[in-house]
Amino acid sequence: MADKLLIVMMNSNPLVVMEVVPPISQAIVAAAMEFDVEMVFSGRSAGLLKKGAAAELPLAAGRSTTVHDLIKEAVQAGVRFKVCAAGVEYWGEEIIPEVEETVGGAYIISEAMDDSTVTFTY
């Protein structure tokens, strides 16, 4: 059985809460189950990690809790957040502090091809 979950966020619209919350929530659950969990944001989805973007997305209408709060919860649970270099080039260098590392396409391919990793893409 695999012991690592790699969640690649690439096509989810960073402005649509219901496209970004389920994968982050799944990452939290997997980390609570003691799996090694990484979320890599690339392409369109990398916009969520731009400073201010996730903080402006409430989890639900009328709530003060934001997607950025959920990201902080994920980090506390052990989820590691990474962003693809191309996403940083497009969206800008100002990313949230929860992002641990900037990676390239080869990193994503290498991790996804590892036999001990299960990969989900969104």
N, C-alpha and C. Protein backbone atom coordinates (compact mmCIF):
# COMPACT_ATOMS: atom_id res chain seq x y z
N MET A 1 0.84 -1.18 0.00
CA MET A 1 0.00 0.00 0.00
C MET A 1 0.89 1.25 0.00
N ALA A 2 0.45 2.24 -0.73
CA ALA A 2 1.19 3.51 -0.80
C ALA A 2 1.14 4.21 0.56
N ASP A 3 2.17 4.98 0.84
CA ASP A 3 2.19 5.71 2.10
C ASP A 3 2.23 7.23 1.89
N LYS A 4 2.17 7.65 0.61
CA LYS A 4 2.19 9.07 0.30
C LYS A 4 1.03 9.43 -0.62
N LEU A 5 0.41 10.58 -0.35
CA LEU A 5 -0.63 11.12 -1.21
C LEU A 5 -0.11 12.43 -1.80
N LEU A 6 -0.06 12.48 -3.11
CA LEU A 6 0.32 13.69 -3.83
C LEU A 6 -0.94 14.24 -4.49
N ILE A 7 -1.32 15.44 -4.11
CA ILE A 7 -2.48 16.09 -4.71
C ILE A 7 -1.94 17.21 -5.60
N VAL A 8 -2.21 17.08 -6.90
CA VAL A 8 -1.77 18.09 -7.86
C VAL A 8 -2.97 18.94 -8.24
N MET A 9 -2.88 20.21 -7.88
CA MET A 9 -3.93 21.18 -8.21
C MET A 9 -3.48 21.92 -9.45
N MET A 10 -4.20 21.71 -10.56
CA MET A 10 -3.76 22.34 -11.80
C MET A 10 -4.92 23.02 -12.53
N ASN A 11 -6.06 22.38 -12.56
CA ASN A 11 -7.17 22.89 -13.36
C ASN A 11 -8.28 23.53 -12.55
N SER A 12 -8.23 23.41 -11.24
CA SER A 12 -9.28 23.99 -10.39
C SER A 12 -9.18 25.51 -10.43
N ASN A 13 -10.32 26.14 -10.53
CA ASN A 13 -10.38 27.60 -10.55
C ASN A 13 -10.12 28.13 -9.15
N PRO A 14 -9.07 28.92 -8.96
CA PRO A 14 -8.73 29.39 -7.62
C PRO A 14 -9.73 30.37 -7.03
N LEU A 15 -10.70 30.80 -7.82
CA LEU A 15 -11.72 31.73 -7.34
C LEU A 15 -13.01 31.04 -6.95
N VAL A 16 -13.09 29.72 -7.14
CA VAL A 16 -14.30 28.97 -6.85
C VAL A 16 -14.06 28.07 -5.64
N VAL A 17 -14.68 28.43 -4.53
CA VAL A 17 -14.47 27.74 -3.27
C VAL A 17 -14.71 26.24 -3.40
N MET A 18 -15.77 25.85 -4.04
CA MET A 18 -16.12 24.43 -4.12
C MET A 18 -15.20 23.63 -5.04
N GLU A 19 -14.29 24.29 -5.73
CA GLU A 19 -13.29 23.58 -6.52
C GLU A 19 -11.98 23.40 -5.75
N VAL A 20 -11.73 24.24 -4.75
CA VAL A 20 -10.47 24.16 -4.01
C VAL A 20 -10.60 23.57 -2.61
N VAL A 21 -11.77 23.68 -2.00
CA VAL A 21 -11.94 23.19 -0.63
C VAL A 21 -11.92 21.66 -0.53
N PRO A 22 -12.62 20.91 -1.38
CA PRO A 22 -12.59 19.45 -1.23
C PRO A 22 -11.18 18.83 -1.27
N PRO A 23 -10.30 19.21 -2.21
CA PRO A 23 -8.96 18.62 -2.19
C PRO A 23 -8.17 18.97 -0.93
N ILE A 24 -8.31 20.21 -0.44
CA ILE A 24 -7.60 20.59 0.78
C ILE A 24 -8.15 19.80 1.96
N SER A 25 -9.46 19.63 2.02
CA SER A 25 -10.08 18.84 3.08
C SER A 25 -9.63 17.38 3.03
N GLN A 26 -9.53 16.83 1.83
CA GLN A 26 -9.05 15.45 1.68
C GLN A 26 -7.60 15.33 2.15
N ALA A 27 -6.81 16.35 1.88
CA ALA A 27 -5.41 16.35 2.33
C ALA A 27 -5.34 16.33 3.85
N ILE A 28 -6.20 17.10 4.50
CA ILE A 28 -6.25 17.13 5.97
C ILE A 28 -6.61 15.76 6.52
N VAL A 29 -7.60 15.13 5.92
CA VAL A 29 -8.02 13.80 6.38
C VAL A 29 -6.89 12.79 6.19
N ALA A 30 -6.23 12.82 5.04
CA ALA A 30 -5.13 11.88 4.78
C ALA A 30 -3.98 12.10 5.77
N ALA A 31 -3.68 13.35 6.07
CA ALA A 31 -2.62 13.64 7.05
C ALA A 31 -3.03 13.13 8.43
N ALA A 32 -4.30 13.27 8.79
CA ALA A 32 -4.79 12.76 10.08
C ALA A 32 -4.70 11.24 10.13
N MET A 33 -4.77 10.60 8.97
CA MET A 33 -4.62 9.15 8.89
C MET A 33 -3.15 8.74 8.83
N GLU A 34 -2.27 9.71 9.02
CA GLU A 34 -0.83 9.52 9.11
C GLU A 34 -0.15 9.18 7.78
N PHE A 35 -0.77 9.61 6.68
CA PHE A 35 -0.11 9.52 5.38
C PHE A 35 0.77 10.75 5.18
N ASP A 36 1.80 10.60 4.40
CA ASP A 36 2.64 11.71 3.98
C ASP A 36 1.85 12.42 2.88
N VAL A 37 1.57 13.70 3.04
CA VAL A 37 0.69 14.40 2.10
C VAL A 37 1.35 15.68 1.58
N GLU A 38 1.36 15.81 0.27
CA GLU A 38 1.84 17.01 -0.40
C GLU A 38 0.76 17.52 -1.34
N MET A 39 0.62 18.83 -1.39
CA MET A 39 -0.22 19.46 -2.39
C MET A 39 0.68 20.34 -3.24
N VAL A 40 0.67 20.10 -4.55
CA VAL A 40 1.46 20.91 -5.47
C VAL A 40 0.48 21.68 -6.35
N PHE A 41 0.65 22.99 -6.38
CA PHE A 41 -0.22 23.87 -7.15
C PHE A 41 0.51 24.33 -8.39
N SER A 42 -0.14 24.14 -9.53
CA SER A 42 0.47 24.49 -10.81
C SER A 42 -0.58 25.17 -11.68
N GLY A 43 -0.13 25.84 -12.72
CA GLY A 43 -1.05 26.44 -13.68
C GLY A 43 -2.06 27.37 -13.03
N ARG A 44 -3.29 27.24 -13.47
CA ARG A 44 -4.38 28.09 -13.01
C ARG A 44 -4.54 28.05 -11.49
N SER A 45 -4.43 26.87 -10.91
CA SER A 45 -4.68 26.71 -9.48
C SER A 45 -3.64 27.39 -8.60
N ALA A 46 -2.45 27.64 -9.14
CA ALA A 46 -1.40 28.30 -8.36
C ALA A 46 -1.82 29.69 -7.91
N GLY A 47 -2.80 30.27 -8.58
CA GLY A 47 -3.31 31.59 -8.19
C GLY A 47 -3.87 31.62 -6.78
N LEU A 48 -4.29 30.46 -6.28
CA LEU A 48 -4.82 30.40 -4.91
C LEU A 48 -3.75 30.73 -3.88
N LEU A 49 -2.48 30.47 -4.20
CA LEU A 49 -1.40 30.68 -3.25
C LEU A 49 -0.82 32.09 -3.30
N LYS A 50 -1.34 32.91 -4.19
CA LYS A 50 -0.92 34.31 -4.25
C LYS A 50 -1.42 35.01 -2.98
N LYS A 51 -0.54 35.80 -2.36
CA LYS A 51 -0.93 36.50 -1.13
C LYS A 51 -2.26 37.22 -1.31
N GLY A 52 -3.17 36.97 -0.37
CA GLY A 52 -4.46 37.63 -0.38
C GLY A 52 -5.57 36.84 -1.06
N ALA A 53 -5.24 35.98 -2.01
CA ALA A 53 -6.27 35.28 -2.78
C ALA A 53 -7.13 34.37 -1.90
N ALA A 54 -6.51 33.46 -1.17
CA ALA A 54 -7.26 32.52 -0.34
C ALA A 54 -7.92 33.21 0.85
N ALA A 55 -7.32 34.31 1.31
CA ALA A 55 -7.88 35.05 2.45
C ALA A 55 -9.16 35.78 2.07
N GLU A 56 -9.38 35.97 0.78
CA GLU A 56 -10.59 36.65 0.31
C GLU A 56 -11.73 35.69 -0.01
N LEU A 57 -11.49 34.38 0.16
CA LEU A 57 -12.52 33.38 -0.17
C LEU A 57 -13.12 32.79 1.10
N PRO A 58 -14.31 33.24 1.50
CA PRO A 58 -14.94 32.63 2.68
C PRO A 58 -15.36 31.20 2.35
N LEU A 59 -15.29 30.32 3.35
CA LEU A 59 -15.69 28.92 3.12
C LEU A 59 -17.17 28.81 2.78
N ALA A 60 -17.97 29.71 3.31
CA ALA A 60 -19.41 29.73 3.01
C ALA A 60 -19.92 31.15 3.22
N ALA A 61 -21.02 31.45 2.59
CA ALA A 61 -21.60 32.78 2.72
C ALA A 61 -21.89 33.09 4.19
N GLY A 62 -21.52 34.28 4.60
CA GLY A 62 -21.79 34.71 5.96
C GLY A 62 -20.80 34.20 7.00
N ARG A 63 -19.79 33.45 6.59
CA ARG A 63 -18.79 32.93 7.54
C ARG A 63 -17.50 33.75 7.42
N SER A 64 -16.82 33.87 8.54
CA SER A 64 -15.56 34.61 8.51
C SER A 64 -14.37 33.70 8.23
N THR A 65 -14.55 32.38 8.32
CA THR A 65 -13.48 31.44 8.04
C THR A 65 -13.22 31.40 6.54
N THR A 66 -11.94 31.48 6.17
CA THR A 66 -11.59 31.55 4.76
C THR A 66 -10.84 30.30 4.30
N VAL A 67 -10.62 30.22 3.01
CA VAL A 67 -9.82 29.13 2.45
C VAL A 67 -8.39 29.21 3.00
N HIS A 68 -7.90 30.41 3.24
CA HIS A 68 -6.55 30.53 3.83
C HIS A 68 -6.53 29.92 5.23
N ASP A 69 -7.59 30.08 5.99
CA ASP A 69 -7.67 29.43 7.31
C ASP A 69 -7.61 27.91 7.16
N LEU A 70 -8.26 27.39 6.13
CA LEU A 70 -8.23 25.95 5.88
C LEU A 70 -6.82 25.49 5.48
N ILE A 71 -6.13 26.29 4.71
CA ILE A 71 -4.75 25.98 4.34
C ILE A 71 -3.88 25.94 5.60
N LYS A 72 -4.05 26.88 6.49
CA LYS A 72 -3.30 26.90 7.75
C LYS A 72 -3.59 25.64 8.57
N GLU A 73 -4.86 25.24 8.60
CA GLU A 73 -5.24 24.00 9.30
C GLU A 73 -4.55 22.79 8.67
N ALA A 74 -4.49 22.77 7.36
CA ALA A 74 -3.84 21.66 6.65
C ALA A 74 -2.36 21.59 7.02
N VAL A 75 -1.69 22.73 7.05
CA VAL A 75 -0.27 22.76 7.41
C VAL A 75 -0.08 22.24 8.83
N GLN A 76 -0.95 22.65 9.74
CA GLN A 76 -0.89 22.17 11.12
C GLN A 76 -1.08 20.66 11.19
N ALA A 77 -1.88 20.11 10.27
CA ALA A 77 -2.12 18.67 10.24
C ALA A 77 -0.95 17.91 9.62
N GLY A 78 -0.03 18.64 8.97
CA GLY A 78 1.14 18.00 8.37
C GLY A 78 1.19 18.02 6.86
N VAL A 79 0.22 18.64 6.22
CA VAL A 79 0.21 18.74 4.76
C VAL A 79 1.28 19.75 4.33
N ARG A 80 2.05 19.38 3.31
CA ARG A 80 3.08 20.27 2.78
C ARG A 80 2.58 20.88 1.47
N PHE A 81 2.68 22.20 1.37
CA PHE A 81 2.24 22.93 0.19
C PHE A 81 3.44 23.35 -0.64
N LYS A 82 3.34 23.09 -1.94
CA LYS A 82 4.39 23.47 -2.88
C LYS A 82 3.73 24.14 -4.08
N VAL A 83 4.50 24.95 -4.76
CA VAL A 83 3.99 25.64 -5.94
C VAL A 83 4.96 25.41 -7.10
N CYS A 84 4.43 25.25 -8.27
CA CYS A 84 5.24 25.04 -9.47
C CYS A 84 5.86 26.38 -9.89
N ALA A 85 7.08 26.33 -10.33
CA ALA A 85 7.81 27.53 -10.73
C ALA A 85 7.06 28.33 -11.80
N ALA A 86 6.43 27.63 -12.73
CA ALA A 86 5.69 28.34 -13.79
C ALA A 86 4.52 29.12 -13.20
N GLY A 87 3.90 28.59 -12.17
CA GLY A 87 2.81 29.31 -11.51
C GLY A 87 3.29 30.58 -10.84
N VAL A 88 4.46 30.50 -10.23
CA VAL A 88 5.05 31.69 -9.59
C VAL A 88 5.37 32.74 -10.66
N GLU A 89 5.90 32.29 -11.80
CA GLU A 89 6.19 33.23 -12.88
C GLU A 89 4.94 33.94 -13.36
N TYR A 90 3.85 33.19 -13.45
CA TYR A 90 2.61 33.78 -13.96
C TYR A 90 1.91 34.65 -12.91
N TRP A 91 1.74 34.11 -11.68
CA TRP A 91 0.97 34.77 -10.64
C TRP A 91 1.78 35.76 -9.82
N GLY A 92 3.10 35.65 -9.87
CA GLY A 92 3.95 36.59 -9.13
C GLY A 92 4.62 35.94 -7.93
N GLU A 93 5.65 36.60 -7.46
CA GLU A 93 6.49 36.09 -6.37
C GLU A 93 5.82 36.16 -5.00
N GLU A 94 4.80 36.96 -4.84
CA GLU A 94 4.16 37.16 -3.54
C GLU A 94 3.21 36.00 -3.24
N ILE A 95 3.74 34.97 -2.57
CA ILE A 95 2.92 33.81 -2.23
C ILE A 95 2.79 33.70 -0.71
N ILE A 96 1.78 32.97 -0.27
CA ILE A 96 1.53 32.85 1.16
C ILE A 96 2.67 32.10 1.85
N PRO A 97 2.89 32.38 3.12
CA PRO A 97 4.03 31.77 3.82
C PRO A 97 3.89 30.27 4.06
N GLU A 98 2.71 29.73 3.90
CA GLU A 98 2.51 28.29 4.10
C GLU A 98 3.13 27.45 2.99
N VAL A 99 3.51 28.08 1.89
CA VAL A 99 4.15 27.36 0.79
C VAL A 99 5.59 27.07 1.19
N GLU A 100 5.91 25.80 1.21
CA GLU A 100 7.21 25.32 1.68
C GLU A 100 8.30 25.41 0.61
N GLU A 101 7.89 25.27 -0.65
CA GLU A 101 8.91 25.14 -1.68
C GLU A 101 8.33 25.42 -3.07
N THR A 102 9.20 25.91 -3.95
CA THR A 102 8.86 26.05 -5.37
C THR A 102 9.52 24.88 -6.09
N VAL A 103 8.74 24.19 -6.92
CA VAL A 103 9.24 23.00 -7.61
C VAL A 103 8.98 23.13 -9.11
N GLY A 104 9.61 22.26 -9.88
CA GLY A 104 9.41 22.25 -11.32
C GLY A 104 8.59 21.06 -11.77
N GLY A 105 8.33 21.00 -13.04
CA GLY A 105 7.55 19.90 -13.61
C GLY A 105 8.18 18.54 -13.39
N ALA A 106 9.50 18.48 -13.42
CA ALA A 106 10.19 17.20 -13.20
C ALA A 106 9.91 16.65 -11.80
N TYR A 107 9.79 17.54 -10.83
CA TYR A 107 9.49 17.10 -9.46
C TYR A 107 8.13 16.41 -9.42
N ILE A 108 7.14 17.02 -10.03
CA ILE A 108 5.78 16.45 -10.03
C ILE A 108 5.79 15.08 -10.70
N ILE A 109 6.44 14.96 -11.83
CA ILE A 109 6.50 13.69 -12.55
C ILE A 109 7.22 12.64 -11.72
N SER A 110 8.34 13.01 -11.15
CA SER A 110 9.12 12.07 -10.35
C SER A 110 8.32 11.55 -9.16
N GLU A 111 7.65 12.45 -8.45
CA GLU A 111 6.85 12.04 -7.29
C GLU A 111 5.66 11.18 -7.71
N ALA A 112 4.99 11.58 -8.78
CA ALA A 112 3.81 10.84 -9.24
C ALA A 112 4.16 9.44 -9.71
N MET A 113 5.36 9.25 -10.24
CA MET A 113 5.75 7.94 -10.75
C MET A 113 6.28 7.00 -9.68
N ASP A 114 6.49 7.50 -8.48
CA ASP A 114 7.00 6.69 -7.38
C ASP A 114 5.95 5.66 -6.97
N ASP A 115 6.36 4.40 -6.83
CA ASP A 115 5.42 3.32 -6.49
C ASP A 115 4.75 3.50 -5.13
N SER A 116 5.36 4.25 -4.25
CA SER A 116 4.77 4.43 -2.92
C SER A 116 3.84 5.64 -2.83
N THR A 117 3.56 6.24 -3.98
CA THR A 117 2.72 7.45 -4.02
C THR A 117 1.44 7.22 -4.81
N VAL A 118 0.35 7.72 -4.25
CA VAL A 118 -0.92 7.78 -4.97
C VAL A 118 -1.12 9.25 -5.32
N THR A 119 -1.52 9.51 -6.57
CA THR A 119 -1.66 10.88 -7.03
C THR A 119 -3.11 11.17 -7.39
N PHE A 120 -3.63 12.27 -6.84
CA PHE A 120 -4.94 12.79 -7.21
C PHE A 120 -4.69 14.10 -7.96
N THR A 121 -5.45 14.36 -8.99
CA THR A 121 -5.33 15.64 -9.70
C THR A 121 -6.67 16.33 -9.74
N TYR A 122 -6.60 17.62 -9.62
CA TYR A 122 -7.82 18.45 -9.65
C TYR A 122 -7.57 19.65 -10.54
